[in-house]
Amino acid sequence: MPILELRGGLPLAYLHYDFTLIKSFTLSVIGNILPIIPILLLFQPISKWLLQFNWYSRLYDWLYNRTMQKSNNIERYGAIGLMLFTAVPFPTTGAYSACIAALLFSIRFRYALISISLGVVVAGIIVSLGMLSISIF
């Protein structure tokens, strides 16, 4: 799920498809981490080309403004802030937005990849704990 990412996929797998929590966690984390490398490597060159189209220019401006509004920690703490931004289990603060923020703040590829991946794992743990609390009650 591109917008909800792990935050939507993990509960869906666990609650609706009856996967075990470990299977839900593992598949959600892997599925959320896989697109990070292509996004970090390809977003800027593809985006530069697409900016010639009006519809993409509007989408890019919206994405840029939304990312910048939620990026105080990234600006202040760099790669650690990027991990915290990714780890917050709210829609639109996940790995994909963090990739865009990493590019906007010129965080080096290696640090961005590690930070975002760790943030995905932390978000997965938080969401899993939420799923455990739901299944207990």
Protein backbone atom coordinates (compact mmCIF):
# COMPACT_ATOMS: atom_id res chain seq x y z
CA MET A 1 0.00 0.00 0.00
CA PRO A 2 1.92 3.05 -1.19
CA ILE A 3 0.27 5.52 1.18
CA LEU A 4 -0.22 3.40 4.30
CA GLU A 5 2.86 1.25 3.68
CA LEU A 6 3.66 -1.02 6.64
CA ARG A 7 1.15 0.81 8.84
CA GLY A 8 -1.70 -0.54 6.73
CA GLY A 9 -0.18 -3.76 5.41
CA LEU A 10 0.76 -5.29 8.74
CA PRO A 11 -2.69 -4.92 10.37
CA LEU A 12 -4.37 -6.05 7.16
CA ALA A 13 -2.26 -9.22 6.98
CA TYR A 14 -2.64 -9.96 10.69
CA LEU A 15 -6.30 -9.12 11.23
CA HIS A 16 -7.91 -9.79 7.86
CA TYR A 17 -5.78 -12.53 6.28
CA ASP A 18 -4.98 -14.34 9.54
CA PHE A 19 -1.21 -14.34 9.04
CA THR A 20 0.82 -14.84 12.18
CA LEU A 21 2.16 -11.64 13.69
CA ILE A 22 5.73 -12.65 12.81
CA LYS A 23 4.80 -13.37 9.18
CA SER A 24 2.83 -10.12 8.97
CA PHE A 25 5.76 -8.18 10.45
CA THR A 26 8.36 -9.82 8.22
CA LEU A 27 6.45 -9.40 4.97
CA SER A 28 5.45 -5.83 5.81
CA VAL A 29 9.00 -4.79 6.72
CA ILE A 30 10.50 -6.42 3.62
CA GLY A 31 7.79 -4.96 1.40
CA ASN A 32 8.35 -1.51 2.86
CA ILE A 33 12.15 -1.64 2.59
CA LEU A 34 12.35 -3.00 -0.99
CA PRO A 35 11.33 0.26 -2.74
CA ILE A 36 13.76 2.43 -0.74
CA ILE A 37 16.81 1.86 -2.98
CA PRO A 38 15.01 2.53 -6.28
CA ILE A 39 13.31 5.62 -4.86
CA LEU A 40 16.57 7.04 -3.50
CA LEU A 41 18.38 6.37 -6.77
CA LEU A 42 15.71 7.19 -9.32
CA PHE A 43 13.43 9.84 -7.85
CA GLN A 44 15.52 12.88 -8.74
CA PRO A 45 16.35 12.00 -12.35
CA ILE A 46 12.82 10.87 -13.15
CA SER A 47 11.35 13.83 -11.28
CA LYS A 48 13.46 16.31 -13.25
CA TRP A 49 12.13 14.88 -16.48
CA LEU A 50 8.51 14.76 -15.26
CA LEU A 51 8.54 18.37 -14.04
CA GLN A 52 7.93 19.45 -17.62
CA PHE A 53 4.35 18.17 -17.22
CA ASN A 54 1.88 20.38 -15.38
CA TRP A 55 0.14 17.53 -13.52
CA TYR A 56 3.44 16.30 -12.11
CA SER A 57 4.59 19.78 -11.21
CA ARG A 58 1.46 20.19 -9.04
CA LEU A 59 1.97 16.74 -7.47
CA TYR A 60 5.62 17.48 -6.80
CA ASP A 61 4.82 20.83 -5.18
CA TRP A 62 2.21 19.17 -2.95
CA LEU A 63 4.63 16.37 -1.99
CA TYR A 64 7.44 18.84 -1.37
CA ASN A 65 5.31 21.09 0.86
CA ARG A 66 3.86 18.17 2.83
CA THR A 67 7.29 16.65 3.38
CA MET A 68 8.79 19.96 4.45
CA GLN A 69 5.97 20.57 6.96
CA LYS A 70 6.71 17.27 8.71
CA SER A 71 10.48 17.40 8.52
CA ASN A 72 11.59 19.44 11.55
CA ASN A 73 13.39 16.45 13.09
CA ILE A 74 15.14 15.63 9.83
CA GLU A 75 16.41 19.15 9.45
CA ARG A 76 17.56 19.25 13.06
CA TYR A 77 18.99 15.73 13.50
CA GLY A 78 19.88 14.57 9.97
CA ALA A 79 19.97 10.78 9.53
CA ILE A 80 18.71 10.13 13.08
CA GLY A 81 15.80 12.49 12.48
CA LEU A 82 15.10 10.62 9.26
CA MET A 83 14.87 7.37 11.22
CA LEU A 84 12.50 8.98 13.74
CA PHE A 85 10.39 10.45 10.93
CA THR A 86 10.07 6.99 9.37
CA ALA A 87 9.41 5.24 12.69
CA VAL A 88 6.39 7.35 13.63
CA PRO A 89 3.51 5.02 12.79
CA PHE A 90 1.22 7.55 11.13
CA PRO A 91 0.16 7.59 7.49
CA THR A 92 2.38 9.77 5.25
CA THR A 93 5.40 9.68 7.57
CA GLY A 94 6.80 6.41 6.28
CA ALA A 95 9.64 5.24 4.11
CA TYR A 96 8.50 6.82 0.85
CA SER A 97 8.14 10.29 2.36
CA ALA A 98 11.43 9.78 4.19
CA CYS A 99 13.17 9.00 0.89
CA ILE A 100 11.92 12.29 -0.52
CA ALA A 101 13.00 14.12 2.63
CA ALA A 102 16.45 12.50 2.46
CA LEU A 103 16.84 13.78 -1.08
CA LEU A 104 15.55 17.25 -0.20
CA PHE A 105 17.99 17.53 2.71
CA SER A 106 20.89 15.95 0.77
CA ILE A 107 21.40 13.08 3.20
CA ARG A 108 23.95 10.66 1.74
CA PHE A 109 22.55 7.49 0.20
CA ARG A 110 24.13 5.09 2.70
CA TYR A 111 22.91 7.03 5.74
CA ALA A 112 19.47 7.50 4.25
CA LEU A 113 19.13 3.79 3.43
CA ILE A 114 20.20 2.69 6.92
CA SER A 115 18.11 5.32 8.71
CA ILE A 116 14.96 4.69 6.73
CA SER A 117 15.33 0.90 7.03
CA LEU A 118 15.79 1.14 10.80
CA GLY A 119 12.79 3.45 10.98
CA VAL A 120 10.70 0.89 9.09
CA VAL A 121 11.73 -1.83 11.56
CA VAL A 122 10.88 0.40 14.54
CA ALA A 123 7.52 1.30 12.98
CA GLY A 124 6.90 -2.41 12.44
CA ILE A 125 7.60 -3.13 16.10
CA ILE A 126 5.27 -0.33 17.21
CA VAL A 127 2.46 -1.47 14.92
CA SER A 128 3.01 -5.11 15.98
CA LEU A 129 2.73 -4.14 19.62
CA GLY A 130 -0.52 -2.38 18.75
CA MET A 131 -1.77 -5.53 17.04
CA LEU A 132 -0.83 -7.60 20.11
CA SER A 133 -2.75 -5.26 22.37
CA ILE A 134 -5.80 -5.53 20.11
CA SER A 135 -5.68 -9.32 20.05
CA ILE A 136 -5.27 -9.54 23.84
CA PHE A 137 -8.44 -7.55 24.51
